[in-house]
Amino acid sequence: MIVAGFGFRRGAGEASLRDALQRASAGRKVAALATVADKAGALHGLAAGMGVAVIGVSEAEMAEMVTVTRSAASLRARGVGSVAEAAALAGAGRGAALLGARALSGDRMASCAIAEGDGR
């Protein structure tokens, strides 16, 4: 299962999310979008347009993930090096691995990482 994980600032719109996804996915078809549970509602419009599910990941689940990136802002806000990477890994399930570096939207309002795993 390929999952796109997102981290984003308050006020990030669908265009920012879509831009980050395009930059990170490198044309891969994703099965679901994931982010921290309390912000998952912000992904519903993008997910509906793509015909994929939204996965809300708990902070406890994200804390168990090992991220490549160490963002100071992400560490302050959520205690993980990258919300996008942690959400992608947790959403992709057992055996998940990142498929590349996270990508930032052009306006730097959203980040996206892609992971593949055995599903939740």
PDB file of N, CA and C in Angstrom:
ATOM      1  N   MET A   1       0.857  -1.178   0.000  1.00  0.00           N
ATOM      2  CA  MET A   1       0.000   0.000   0.000  1.00  0.00           C
ATOM      3  C   MET A   1       0.896   1.231   0.000  1.00  0.00           C
ATOM      4  N   ILE A   2       0.660   2.121  -0.935  1.00  0.00           N
ATOM      5  CA  ILE A   2       1.431   3.361  -1.013  1.00  0.00           C
ATOM      6  C   ILE A   2       0.601   4.496  -0.408  1.00  0.00           C
ATOM      7  N   VAL A   3       1.197   5.186   0.551  1.00  0.00           N
ATOM      8  CA  VAL A   3       0.519   6.248   1.288  1.00  0.00           C
ATOM      9  C   VAL A   3       1.307   7.544   1.184  1.00  0.00           C
ATOM     10  N   ALA A   4       0.590   8.627   0.965  1.00  0.00           N
ATOM     11  CA  ALA A   4       1.186   9.971   0.985  1.00  0.00           C
ATOM     12  C   ALA A   4       0.914  10.579   2.351  1.00  0.00           C
ATOM     13  N   GLY A   5       1.970  10.891   3.076  1.00  0.00           N
ATOM     14  CA  GLY A   5       1.852  11.521   4.379  1.00  0.00           C
ATOM     15  C   GLY A   5       2.059  13.019   4.260  1.00  0.00           C
ATOM     16  N   PHE A   6       1.301  13.778   5.028  1.00  0.00           N
ATOM     17  CA  PHE A   6       1.360  15.241   4.949  1.00  0.00           C
ATOM     18  C   PHE A   6       1.622  15.880   6.300  1.00  0.00           C
ATOM     19  N   GLY A   7       2.397  16.920   6.258  1.00  0.00           N
ATOM     20  CA  GLY A   7       2.531  17.871   7.342  1.00  0.00           C
ATOM     21  C   GLY A   7       2.217  19.225   6.733  1.00  0.00           C
ATOM     22  N   PHE A   8       1.516  20.066   7.459  1.00  0.00           N
ATOM     23  CA  PHE A   8       1.170  21.358   6.866  1.00  0.00           C
ATOM     24  C   PHE A   8       0.848  22.375   7.942  1.00  0.00           C
ATOM     25  N   ARG A   9       1.039  23.622   7.549  1.00  0.00           N
ATOM     26  CA  ARG A   9       0.757  24.737   8.448  1.00  0.00           C
ATOM     27  C   ARG A   9      -0.735  25.039   8.448  1.00  0.00           C
ATOM     28  N   ARG A  10      -1.169  25.635   9.538  1.00  0.00           N
ATOM     29  CA  ARG A  10      -2.554  26.102   9.601  1.00  0.00           C
ATOM     30  C   ARG A  10      -2.754  27.070   8.444  1.00  0.00           C
ATOM     31  N   GLY A  11      -3.830  26.942   7.749  1.00  0.00           N
ATOM     32  CA  GLY A  11      -4.110  27.817   6.623  1.00  0.00           C
ATOM     33  C   GLY A  11      -3.630  27.293   5.287  1.00  0.00           C
ATOM     34  N   ALA A  12      -2.956  26.146   5.272  1.00  0.00           N
ATOM     35  CA  ALA A  12      -2.541  25.549   3.996  1.00  0.00           C
ATOM     36  C   ALA A  12      -3.796  25.111   3.253  1.00  0.00           C
ATOM     37  N   GLY A  13      -3.869  25.471   2.002  1.00  0.00           N
ATOM     38  CA  GLY A  13      -5.032  25.112   1.204  1.00  0.00           C
ATOM     39  C   GLY A  13      -4.801  23.875   0.364  1.00  0.00           C
ATOM     40  N   GLU A  14      -5.841  23.477  -0.339  1.00  0.00           N
ATOM     41  CA  GLU A  14      -5.756  22.282  -1.174  1.00  0.00           C
ATOM     42  C   GLU A  14      -4.678  22.419  -2.248  1.00  0.00           C
ATOM     43  N   ALA A  15      -4.484  23.623  -2.768  1.00  0.00           N
ATOM     44  CA  ALA A  15      -3.448  23.821  -3.799  1.00  0.00           C
ATOM     45  C   ALA A  15      -2.059  23.513  -3.241  1.00  0.00           C
ATOM     46  N   SER A  16      -1.789  23.907  -2.011  1.00  0.00           N
ATOM     47  CA  SER A  16      -0.493  23.617  -1.386  1.00  0.00           C
ATOM     48  C   SER A  16      -0.317  22.123  -1.169  1.00  0.00           C
ATOM     49  N   LEU A  17      -1.371  21.460  -0.698  1.00  0.00           N
ATOM     50  CA  LEU A  17      -1.320  20.016  -0.474  1.00  0.00           C
ATOM     51  C   LEU A  17      -1.092  19.272  -1.788  1.00  0.00           C
ATOM     52  N   ARG A  18      -1.816  19.665  -2.818  1.00  0.00           N
ATOM     53  CA  ARG A  18      -1.691  19.022  -4.129  1.00  0.00           C
ATOM     54  C   ARG A  18      -0.284  19.230  -4.699  1.00  0.00           C
ATOM     55  N   ASP A  19       0.254  20.438  -4.543  1.00  0.00           N
ATOM     56  CA  ASP A  19       1.593  20.745  -5.040  1.00  0.00           C
ATOM     57  C   ASP A  19       2.639  19.873  -4.341  1.00  0.00           C
ATOM     58  N   ALA A  20       2.557  19.762  -3.015  1.00  0.00           N
ATOM     59  CA  ALA A  20       3.501  18.930  -2.269  1.00  0.00           C
ATOM     60  C   ALA A  20       3.384  17.465  -2.702  1.00  0.00           C
ATOM     61  N   LEU A  21       2.152  17.003  -2.910  1.00  0.00           N
ATOM     62  CA  LEU A  21       1.932  15.621  -3.347  1.00  0.00           C
ATOM     63  C   LEU A  21       2.567  15.377  -4.714  1.00  0.00           C
ATOM     64  N   GLN A  22       2.347  16.281  -5.640  1.00  0.00           N
ATOM     65  CA  GLN A  22       2.925  16.138  -6.983  1.00  0.00           C
ATOM     66  C   GLN A  22       4.440  16.071  -6.924  1.00  0.00           C
ATOM     67  N   ARG A  23       5.035  16.918  -6.114  1.00  0.00           N
ATOM     68  CA  ARG A  23       6.493  16.960  -6.004  1.00  0.00           C
ATOM     69  C   ARG A  23       7.050  15.684  -5.366  1.00  0.00           C
ATOM     70  N   ALA A  24       6.333  15.116  -4.404  1.00  0.00           N
ATOM     71  CA  ALA A  24       6.824  13.935  -3.689  1.00  0.00           C
ATOM     72  C   ALA A  24       6.533  12.617  -4.402  1.00  0.00           C
ATOM     73  N   SER A  25       5.411  12.549  -5.083  1.00  0.00           N
ATOM     74  CA  SER A  25       4.947  11.254  -5.594  1.00  0.00           C
ATOM     75  C   SER A  25       5.684  10.759  -6.827  1.00  0.00           C
ATOM     76  N   ALA A  26       6.293  11.647  -7.584  1.00  0.00           N
ATOM     77  CA  ALA A  26       7.021  11.249  -8.802  1.00  0.00           C
ATOM     78  C   ALA A  26       6.161  10.339  -9.685  1.00  0.00           C
ATOM     79  N   GLY A  27       4.877  10.652  -9.772  1.00  0.00           N
ATOM     80  CA  GLY A  27       3.963   9.903 -10.621  1.00  0.00           C
ATOM     81  C   GLY A  27       3.407   8.628 -10.019  1.00  0.00           C
ATOM     82  N   ARG A  28       3.806   8.287  -8.801  1.00  0.00           N
ATOM     83  CA  ARG A  28       3.271   7.077  -8.155  1.00  0.00           C
ATOM     84  C   ARG A  28       1.805   7.280  -7.804  1.00  0.00           C
ATOM     85  N   LYS A  29       1.020   6.237  -7.959  1.00  0.00           N
ATOM     86  CA  LYS A  29      -0.392   6.274  -7.568  1.00  0.00           C
ATOM     87  C   LYS A  29      -0.479   5.894  -6.098  1.00  0.00           C
ATOM     88  N   VAL A  30      -1.085   6.771  -5.303  1.00  0.00           N
ATOM     89  CA  VAL A  30      -1.211   6.503  -3.871  1.00  0.00           C
ATOM     90  C   VAL A  30      -2.596   5.948  -3.554  1.00  0.00           C
ATOM     91  N   ALA A  31      -2.649   5.117  -2.517  1.00  0.00           N
ATOM     92  CA  ALA A  31      -3.906   4.486  -2.106  1.00  0.00           C
ATOM     93  C   ALA A  31      -4.598   5.259  -1.003  1.00  0.00           C
ATOM     94  N   ALA A  32      -3.845   6.105  -0.281  1.00  0.00           N
ATOM     95  CA  ALA A  32      -4.422   6.852   0.838  1.00  0.00           C
ATOM     96  C   ALA A  32      -3.553   8.062   1.155  1.00  0.00           C
ATOM     97  N   LEU A  33      -4.175   9.023   1.832  1.00  0.00           N
ATOM     98  CA  LEU A  33      -3.487  10.209   2.333  1.00  0.00           C
ATOM     99  C   LEU A  33      -3.509  10.134   3.850  1.00  0.00           C
ATOM    100  N   ALA A  34      -2.410  10.503   4.500  1.00  0.00           N
ATOM    101  CA  ALA A  34      -2.336  10.400   5.957  1.00  0.00           C
ATOM    102  C   ALA A  34      -1.748  11.671   6.555  1.00  0.00           C
ATOM    103  N   THR A  35      -2.209  11.985   7.755  1.00  0.00           N
ATOM    104  CA  THR A  35      -1.635  13.066   8.545  1.00  0.00           C
ATOM    105  C   THR A  35      -2.043  12.845   9.999  1.00  0.00           C
ATOM    106  N   VAL A  36      -1.579  13.729  10.845  1.00  0.00           N
ATOM    107  CA  VAL A  36      -1.927  13.628  12.260  1.00  0.00           C
ATOM    108  C   VAL A  36      -3.450  13.742  12.395  1.00  0.00           C
ATOM    109  N   ALA A  37      -4.030  12.919  13.254  1.00  0.00           N
ATOM    110  CA  ALA A  37      -5.484  12.757  13.346  1.00  0.00           C
ATOM    111  C   ALA A  37      -6.244  14.064  13.522  1.00  0.00           C
ATOM    112  N   ASP A  38      -5.719  14.990  14.325  1.00  0.00           N
ATOM    113  CA  ASP A  38      -6.470  16.216  14.580  1.00  0.00           C
ATOM    114  C   ASP A  38      -6.480  17.189  13.402  1.00  0.00           C
ATOM    115  N   LYS A  39      -5.749  16.886  12.333  1.00  0.00           N
ATOM    116  CA  LYS A  39      -5.755  17.723  11.134  1.00  0.00           C
ATOM    117  C   LYS A  39      -6.239  16.963   9.895  1.00  0.00           C
ATOM    118  N   ALA A  40      -6.674  15.729  10.082  1.00  0.00           N
ATOM    119  CA  ALA A  40      -7.046  14.878   8.949  1.00  0.00           C
ATOM    120  C   ALA A  40      -8.182  15.462   8.110  1.00  0.00           C
ATOM    121  N   GLY A  41      -9.075  16.197   8.722  1.00  0.00           N
ATOM    122  CA  GLY A  41     -10.188  16.789   7.981  1.00  0.00           C
ATOM    123  C   GLY A  41      -9.747  17.679   6.838  1.00  0.00           C
ATOM    124  N   ALA A  42      -8.586  18.282   6.953  1.00  0.00           N
ATOM    125  CA  ALA A  42      -8.078  19.169   5.908  1.00  0.00           C
ATOM    126  C   ALA A  42      -7.721  18.416   4.626  1.00  0.00           C
ATOM    127  N   LEU A  43      -7.602  17.096   4.710  1.00  0.00           N
ATOM    128  CA  LEU A  43      -7.244  16.301   3.528  1.00  0.00           C
ATOM    129  C   LEU A  43      -8.458  15.756   2.779  1.00  0.00           C
ATOM    130  N   HIS A  44      -9.651  15.896   3.340  1.00  0.00           N
ATOM    131  CA  HIS A  44     -10.829  15.260   2.747  1.00  0.00           C
ATOM    132  C   HIS A  44     -11.144  15.761   1.338  1.00  0.00           C
ATOM    133  N   GLY A  45     -10.991  17.029   1.062  1.00  0.00           N
ATOM    134  CA  GLY A  45     -11.277  17.534  -0.281  1.00  0.00           C
ATOM    135  C   GLY A  45     -10.341  16.946  -1.322  1.00  0.00           C
ATOM    136  N   LEU A  46      -9.048  16.954  -1.030  1.00  0.00           N
ATOM    137  CA  LEU A  46      -8.060  16.381  -1.943  1.00  0.00           C
ATOM    138  C   LEU A  46      -8.303  14.888  -2.118  1.00  0.00           C
ATOM    139  N   ALA A  47      -8.550  14.186  -1.020  1.00  0.00           N
ATOM    140  CA  ALA A  47      -8.774  12.740  -1.079  1.00  0.00           C
ATOM    141  C   ALA A  47     -10.016  12.399  -1.898  1.00  0.00           C
ATOM    142  N   ALA A  48     -11.083  13.172  -1.713  1.00  0.00           N
ATOM    143  CA  ALA A  48     -12.318  12.909  -2.458  1.00  0.00           C
ATOM    144  C   ALA A  48     -12.082  13.068  -3.949  1.00  0.00           C
ATOM    145  N   GLY A  49     -11.341  14.091  -4.333  1.00  0.00           N
ATOM    146  CA  GLY A  49     -11.032  14.316  -5.740  1.00  0.00           C
ATOM    147  C   GLY A  49     -10.181  13.216  -6.348  1.00  0.00           C
ATOM    148  N   MET A  50      -9.396  12.553  -5.513  1.00  0.00           N
ATOM    149  CA  MET A  50      -8.526  11.472  -5.977  1.00  0.00           C
ATOM    150  C   MET A  50      -9.169  10.097  -5.834  1.00  0.00           C
ATOM    151  N   GLY A  51     -10.260  10.020  -5.073  1.00  0.00           N
ATOM    152  CA  GLY A  51     -10.911   8.740  -4.830  1.00  0.00           C
ATOM    153  C   GLY A  51     -10.125   7.834  -3.902  1.00  0.00           C
ATOM    154  N   VAL A  52      -9.458   8.453  -2.907  1.00  0.00           N
ATOM    155  CA  VAL A  52      -8.667   7.669  -1.945  1.00  0.00           C
ATOM    156  C   VAL A  52      -9.130   7.978  -0.522  1.00  0.00           C
ATOM    157  N   ALA A  53      -8.697   7.144   0.407  1.00  0.00           N
ATOM    158  CA  ALA A  53      -9.060   7.297   1.811  1.00  0.00           C
ATOM    159  C   ALA A  53      -8.133   8.275   2.520  1.00  0.00           C
ATOM    160  N   VAL A  54      -8.602   8.775   3.659  1.00  0.00           N
ATOM    161  CA  VAL A  54      -7.785   9.592   4.563  1.00  0.00           C
ATOM    162  C   VAL A  54      -7.525   8.772   5.816  1.00  0.00           C
ATOM    163  N   ILE A  55      -6.282   8.749   6.252  1.00  0.00           N
ATOM    164  CA  ILE A  55      -5.894   8.046   7.469  1.00  0.00           C
ATOM    165  C   ILE A  55      -5.447   9.077   8.498  1.00  0.00           C
ATOM    166  N   GLY A  56      -6.127   9.116   9.634  1.00  0.00           N
ATOM    167  CA  GLY A  56      -5.719   9.969  10.743  1.00  0.00           C
ATOM    168  C   GLY A  56      -4.798   9.168  11.650  1.00  0.00           C
ATOM    169  N   VAL A  57      -3.582   9.666  11.837  1.00  0.00           N
ATOM    170  CA  VAL A  57      -2.567   8.959  12.616  1.00  0.00           C
ATOM    171  C   VAL A  57      -2.424   9.634  13.975  1.00  0.00           C
ATOM    172  N   SER A  58      -2.388   8.847  15.022  1.00  0.00           N
ATOM    173  CA  SER A  58      -2.234   9.425  16.359  1.00  0.00           C
ATOM    174  C   SER A  58      -0.795   9.898  16.573  1.00  0.00           C
ATOM    175  N   GLU A  59      -0.634  10.827  17.499  1.00  0.00           N
ATOM    176  CA  GLU A  59       0.716  11.295  17.826  1.00  0.00           C
ATOM    177  C   GLU A  59       1.549  10.157  18.395  1.00  0.00           C
ATOM    178  N   ALA A  60       0.920   9.244  19.133  1.00  0.00           N
ATOM    179  CA  ALA A  60       1.643   8.092  19.683  1.00  0.00           C
ATOM    180  C   ALA A  60       2.180   7.198  18.560  1.00  0.00           C
ATOM    181  N   GLU A  61       1.361   6.974  17.526  1.00  0.00           N
ATOM    182  CA  GLU A  61       1.822   6.177  16.380  1.00  0.00           C
ATOM    183  C   GLU A  61       2.987   6.866  15.675  1.00  0.00           C
ATOM    184  N   MET A  62       2.852   8.171  15.481  1.00  0.00           N
ATOM    185  CA  MET A  62       3.914   8.915  14.790  1.00  0.00           C
ATOM    186  C   MET A  62       5.205   8.892  15.587  1.00  0.00           C
ATOM    187  N   ALA A  63       5.111   8.953  16.903  1.00  0.00           N
ATOM    188  CA  ALA A  63       6.301   8.976  17.753  1.00  0.00           C
ATOM    189  C   ALA A  63       7.130   7.705  17.607  1.00  0.00           C
ATOM    190  N   GLU A  64       6.513   6.610  17.175  1.00  0.00           N
ATOM    191  CA  GLU A  64       7.219   5.347  16.990  1.00  0.00           C
ATOM    192  C   GLU A  64       7.979   5.270  15.670  1.00  0.00           C
ATOM    193  N   MET A  65       7.721   6.202  14.759  1.00  0.00           N
ATOM    194  CA  MET A  65       8.329   6.165  13.436  1.00  0.00           C
ATOM    195  C   MET A  65       9.701   6.849  13.428  1.00  0.00           C
ATOM    196  N   VAL A  66      10.621   6.281  12.689  1.00  0.00           N
ATOM    197  CA  VAL A  66      11.955   6.863  12.531  1.00  0.00           C
ATOM    198  C   VAL A  66      11.948   7.662  11.227  1.00  0.00           C
ATOM    199  N   THR A  67      12.148   8.972  11.340  1.00  0.00           N
ATOM    200  CA  THR A  67      12.123   9.840  10.166  1.00  0.00           C
ATOM    201  C   THR A  67      13.545  10.199   9.741  1.00  0.00           C
ATOM    202  N   VAL A  68      13.699  10.482   8.468  1.00  0.00           N
ATOM    203  CA  VAL A  68      14.985  10.911   7.918  1.00  0.00           C
ATOM    204  C   VAL A  68      15.212  12.385   8.233  1.00  0.00           C
ATOM    205  N   THR A  69      14.161  13.163   8.095  1.00  0.00           N
ATOM    206  CA  THR A  69      14.239  14.611   8.286  1.00  0.00           C
ATOM    207  C   THR A  69      14.136  14.968   9.759  1.00  0.00           C
ATOM    208  N   ARG A  70      14.842  16.025  10.161  1.00  0.00           N
ATOM    209  CA  ARG A  70      14.780  16.541  11.538  1.00  0.00           C
ATOM    210  C   ARG A  70      14.413  18.030  11.464  1.00  0.00           C
ATOM    211  N   SER A  71      13.155  18.326  11.247  1.00  0.00           N
ATOM    212  CA  SER A  71      12.662  19.697  11.168  1.00  0.00           C
ATOM    213  C   SER A  71      12.444  20.254  12.573  1.00  0.00           C
ATOM    214  N   ALA A  72      13.061  21.384  12.853  1.00  0.00           N
ATOM    215  CA  ALA A  72      12.889  22.016  14.169  1.00  0.00           C
ATOM    216  C   ALA A  72      11.428  22.363  14.414  1.00  0.00           C
ATOM    217  N   ALA A  73      10.733  22.844  13.404  1.00  0.00           N
ATOM    218  CA  ALA A  73       9.319  23.207  13.556  1.00  0.00           C
ATOM    219  C   ALA A  73       8.473  21.971  13.858  1.00  0.00           C
ATOM    220  N   SER A  74       8.738  20.880  13.185  1.00  0.00           N
ATOM    221  CA  SER A  74       7.993  19.651  13.409  1.00  0.00           C
ATOM    222  C   SER A  74       8.286  19.072  14.791  1.00  0.00           C
ATOM    223  N   LEU A  75       9.540  19.144  15.197  1.00  0.00           N
ATOM    224  CA  LEU A  75       9.906  18.666  16.535  1.00  0.00           C
ATOM    225  C   LEU A  75       9.194  19.465  17.617  1.00  0.00           C
ATOM    226  N   ARG A  76       9.121  20.789  17.443  1.00  0.00           N
ATOM    227  CA  ARG A  76       8.428  21.641  18.419  1.00  0.00           C
ATOM    228  C   ARG A  76       6.930  21.355  18.439  1.00  0.00           C
ATOM    229  N   ALA A  77       6.338  21.251  17.275  1.00  0.00           N
ATOM    230  CA  ALA A  77       4.887  21.113  17.184  1.00  0.00           C
ATOM    231  C   ALA A  77       4.382  19.719  17.550  1.00  0.00           C
ATOM    232  N   ARG A  78       5.099  18.680  17.104  1.00  0.00           N
ATOM    233  CA  ARG A  78       4.566  17.316  17.243  1.00  0.00           C
ATOM    234  C   ARG A  78       5.541  16.309  17.831  1.00  0.00           C
ATOM    235  N   GLY A  79       6.769  16.718  18.089  1.00  0.00           N
ATOM    236  CA  GLY A  79       7.730  15.806  18.697  1.00  0.00           C
ATOM    237  C   GLY A  79       8.308  14.774  17.755  1.00  0.00           C
ATOM    238  N   VAL A  80       8.165  14.987  16.461  1.00  0.00           N
ATOM    239  CA  VAL A  80       8.749  14.098  15.446  1.00  0.00           C
ATOM    240  C   VAL A  80       9.562  14.924  14.468  1.00  0.00           C
ATOM    241  N   GLY A  81      10.545  14.293  13.841  1.00  0.00           N
ATOM    242  CA  GLY A  81      11.410  15.007  12.908  1.00  0.00           C
ATOM    243  C   GLY A  81      10.690  15.497  11.674  1.00  0.00           C
ATOM    244  N   SER A  82       9.678  14.779  11.234  1.00  0.00           N
ATOM    245  CA  SER A  82       8.873  15.163  10.072  1.00  0.00           C
ATOM    246  C   SER A  82       7.488  14.566  10.219  1.00  0.00           C
ATOM    247  N   VAL A  83       6.484  15.405  10.302  1.00  0.00           N
ATOM    248  CA  VAL A  83       5.104  14.913  10.385  1.00  0.00           C
ATOM    249  C   VAL A  83       4.758  14.163   9.105  1.00  0.00           C
ATOM    250  N   ALA A  84       5.164  14.693   7.956  1.00  0.00           N
ATOM    251  CA  ALA A  84       4.853  14.043   6.679  1.00  0.00           C
ATOM    252  C   ALA A  84       5.432  12.634   6.628  1.00  0.00           C
ATOM    253  N   GLU A  85       6.704  12.491   6.984  1.00  0.00           N
ATOM    254  CA  GLU A  85       7.349  11.179   6.945  1.00  0.00           C
ATOM    255  C   GLU A  85       6.729  10.233   7.968  1.00  0.00           C
ATOM    256  N   ALA A  86       6.526  10.691   9.179  1.00  0.00           N
ATOM    257  CA  ALA A  86       5.955   9.846  10.226  1.00  0.00           C
ATOM    258  C   ALA A  86       4.540   9.413   9.868  1.00  0.00           C
ATOM    259  N   ALA A  87       3.740  10.323   9.324  1.00  0.00           N
ATOM    260  CA  ALA A  87       2.366   9.980   8.938  1.00  0.00           C
ATOM    261  C   ALA A  87       2.358   8.984   7.789  1.00  0.00           C
ATOM    262  N   ALA A  88       3.230   9.172   6.807  1.00  0.00           N
ATOM    263  CA  ALA A  88       3.310   8.241   5.675  1.00  0.00           C
ATOM    264  C   ALA A  88       3.686   6.844   6.168  1.00  0.00           C
ATOM    265  N   LEU A  89       4.701   6.767   7.012  1.00  0.00           N
ATOM    266  CA  LEU A  89       5.156   5.473   7.526  1.00  0.00           C
ATOM    267  C   LEU A  89       4.084   4.786   8.372  1.00  0.00           C
ATOM    268  N   ALA A  90       3.471   5.536   9.277  1.00  0.00           N
ATOM    269  CA  ALA A  90       2.425   4.957  10.128  1.00  0.00           C
ATOM    270  C   ALA A  90       1.214   4.546   9.295  1.00  0.00           C
ATOM    271  N   GLY A  91       0.844   5.362   8.340  1.00  0.00           N
ATOM    272  CA  GLY A  91      -0.304   5.057   7.492  1.00  0.00           C
ATOM    273  C   GLY A  91      -0.089   3.859   6.591  1.00  0.00           C
ATOM    274  N   ALA A  92       1.153   3.657   6.153  1.00  0.00           N
ATOM    275  CA  ALA A  92       1.460   2.543   5.250  1.00  0.00           C
ATOM    276  C   ALA A  92       1.525   1.203   5.973  1.00  0.00           C
ATOM    277  N   GLY A  93       1.674   1.222   7.281  1.00  0.00           N
ATOM    278  CA  GLY A  93       1.600  -0.001   8.068  1.00  0.00           C
ATOM    279  C   GLY A  93       2.889  -0.785   8.167  1.00  0.00           C
ATOM    280  N   ARG A  94       2.741  -2.053   8.514  1.00  0.00           N
ATOM    281  CA  ARG A  94       3.895  -2.929   8.764  1.00  0.00           C
ATOM    282  C   ARG A  94       4.887  -2.917   7.609  1.00  0.00           C
ATOM    283  N   GLY A  95       6.153  -2.916   7.962  1.00  0.00           N
ATOM    284  CA  GLY A  95       7.207  -2.988   6.963  1.00  0.00           C
ATOM    285  C   GLY A  95       7.345  -1.753   6.108  1.00  0.00           C
ATOM    286  N   ALA A  96       6.743  -0.654   6.532  1.00  0.00           N
ATOM    287  CA  ALA A  96       6.748   0.558   5.710  1.00  0.00           C
ATOM    288  C   ALA A  96       8.142   1.149   5.562  1.00  0.00           C
ATOM    289  N   ALA A  97       8.384   1.697   4.378  1.00  0.00           N
ATOM    290  CA  ALA A  97       9.638   2.384   4.091  1.00  0.00           C
ATOM    291  C   ALA A  97       9.336   3.592   3.228  1.00  0.00           C
ATOM    292  N   LEU A  98      10.083   4.650   3.441  1.00  0.00           N
ATOM    293  CA  LEU A  98       9.940   5.846   2.616  1.00  0.00           C
ATOM    294  C   LEU A  98      10.455   5.543   1.214  1.00  0.00           C
ATOM    295  N   LEU A  99       9.790   6.091   0.211  1.00  0.00           N
ATOM    296  CA  LEU A  99      10.178   5.862  -1.175  1.00  0.00           C
ATOM    297  C   LEU A  99      11.018   7.012  -1.740  1.00  0.00           C
ATOM    298  N   GLY A 100      11.295   7.986  -0.913  1.00  0.00           N
ATOM    299  CA  GLY A 100      12.105   9.123  -1.349  1.00  0.00           C
ATOM    300  C   GLY A 100      12.064  10.209  -0.298  1.00  0.00           C
ATOM    301  N   ALA A 101      12.730  11.279  -0.597  1.00  0.00           N
ATOM    302  CA  ALA A 101      12.756  12.421   0.313  1.00  0.00           C
ATOM    303  C   ALA A 101      11.406  13.115   0.337  1.00  0.00           C
ATOM    304  N   ARG A 102      11.085  13.722   1.461  1.00  0.00           N
ATOM    305  CA  ARG A 102       9.852  14.510   1.526  1.00  0.00           C
ATOM    306  C   ARG A 102      10.009  15.712   0.604  1.00  0.00           C
ATOM    307  N   ALA A 103       8.891  16.262   0.196  1.00  0.00           N
ATOM    308  CA  ALA A 103       8.901  17.428  -0.690  1.00  0.00           C
ATOM    309  C   ALA A 103       8.058  18.529  -0.069  1.00  0.00           C
ATOM    310  N   LEU A 104       8.471  19.746  -0.300  1.00  0.00           N
ATOM    311  CA  LEU A 104       7.726  20.921   0.163  1.00  0.00           C
ATOM    312  C   LEU A 104       6.953  21.528  -0.987  1.00  0.00           C
ATOM    313  N   SER A 105       5.781  22.063  -0.675  1.00  0.00           N
ATOM    314  CA  SER A 105       5.038  22.808  -1.684  1.00  0.00           C
ATOM    315  C   SER A 105       5.816  24.083  -2.008  1.00  0.00           C
ATOM    316  N   GLY A 106       5.561  24.658  -3.165  1.00  0.00           N
ATOM    317  CA  GLY A 106       6.253  25.867  -3.573  1.00  0.00           C
ATOM    318  C   GLY A 106       6.094  27.011  -2.600  1.00  0.00           C
ATOM    319  N   ASP A 107       4.949  27.086  -1.927  1.00  0.00           N
ATOM    320  CA  ASP A 107       4.709  28.157  -0.962  1.00  0.00           C
ATOM    321  C   ASP A 107       5.190  27.788   0.449  1.00  0.00           C
ATOM    322  N   ARG A 108       5.759  26.591   0.605  1.00  0.00           N
ATOM    323  CA  ARG A 108       6.311  26.086   1.866  1.00  0.00           C
ATOM    324  C   ARG A 108       5.251  25.939   2.971  1.00  0.00           C
ATOM    325  N   MET A 109       3.997  25.799   2.576  1.00  0.00           N
ATOM    326  CA  MET A 109       2.909  25.618   3.537  1.00  0.00           C
ATOM    327  C   MET A 109       2.647  24.147   3.840  1.00  0.00           C
ATOM    328  N   ALA A 110       3.108  23.237   2.968  1.00  0.00           N
ATOM    329  CA  ALA A 110       2.828  21.813   3.140  1.00  0.00           C
ATOM    330  C   ALA A 110       4.045  20.988   2.753  1.00  0.00           C
ATOM    331  N   SER A 111       4.171  19.832   3.412  1.00  0.00           N
ATOM    332  CA  SER A 111       5.195  18.867   3.020  1.00  0.00           C
ATOM    333  C   SER A 111       4.506  17.527   2.817  1.00  0.00           C
ATOM    334  N   CYS A 112       5.113  16.705   1.974  1.00  0.00           N
ATOM    335  CA  CYS A 112       4.538  15.398   1.662  1.00  0.00           C
ATOM    336  C   CYS A 112       5.674  14.390   1.535  1.00  0.00           C
ATOM    337  N   ALA A 113       5.442  13.195   2.051  1.00  0.00           N
ATOM    338  CA  ALA A 113       6.367  12.077   1.910  1.00  0.00           C
ATOM    339  C   ALA A 113       5.566  10.851   1.485  1.00  0.00           C
ATOM    340  N   ILE A 114       6.198   9.989   0.730  1.00  0.00           N
ATOM    341  CA  ILE A 114       5.535   8.786   0.224  1.00  0.00           C
ATOM    342  C   ILE A 114       6.181   7.552   0.856  1.00  0.00           C
ATOM    343  N   ALA A 115       5.346   6.655   1.363  1.00  0.00           N
ATOM    344  CA  ALA A 115       5.842   5.415   1.957  1.00  0.00           C
ATOM    345  C   ALA A 115       5.027   4.234   1.416  1.00  0.00           C
ATOM    346  N   GLU A 116       5.673   3.088   1.406  1.00  0.00           N
ATOM    347  CA  GLU A 116       4.989   1.871   0.998  1.00  0.00           C
ATOM    348  C   GLU A 116       5.150   0.821   2.094  1.00  0.00           C
ATOM    349  N   GLY A 117       4.051   0.151   2.385  1.00  0.00           N
ATOM    350  CA  GLY A 117       4.065  -0.881   3.425  1.00  0.00           C
ATOM    351  C   GLY A 117       2.976  -1.904   3.182  1.00  0.00           C
ATOM    352  N   ASP A 118       2.779  -2.777   4.153  1.00  0.00           N
ATOM    353  CA  ASP A 118       1.816  -3.878   4.043  1.00  0.00           C
ATOM    354  C   ASP A 118       0.394  -3.475   4.411  1.00  0.00           C
ATOM    355  N   GLY A 119       0.174  -2.202   4.723  1.00  0.00           N
ATOM    356  CA  GLY A 119      -1.163  -1.729   5.105  1.00  0.00           C
ATOM    357  C   GLY A 119      -1.363  -1.790   6.605  1.00  0.00           C
ATOM    358  N   ARG A 120      -2.354  -1.085   7.058  1.00  0.00           N
ATOM    359  CA  ARG A 120      -2.648  -1.003   8.507  1.00  0.00           C
ATOM    360  C   ARG A 120      -3.435  -2.184   8.974  1.00  0.00           C
TER     361      ARG A 120
END
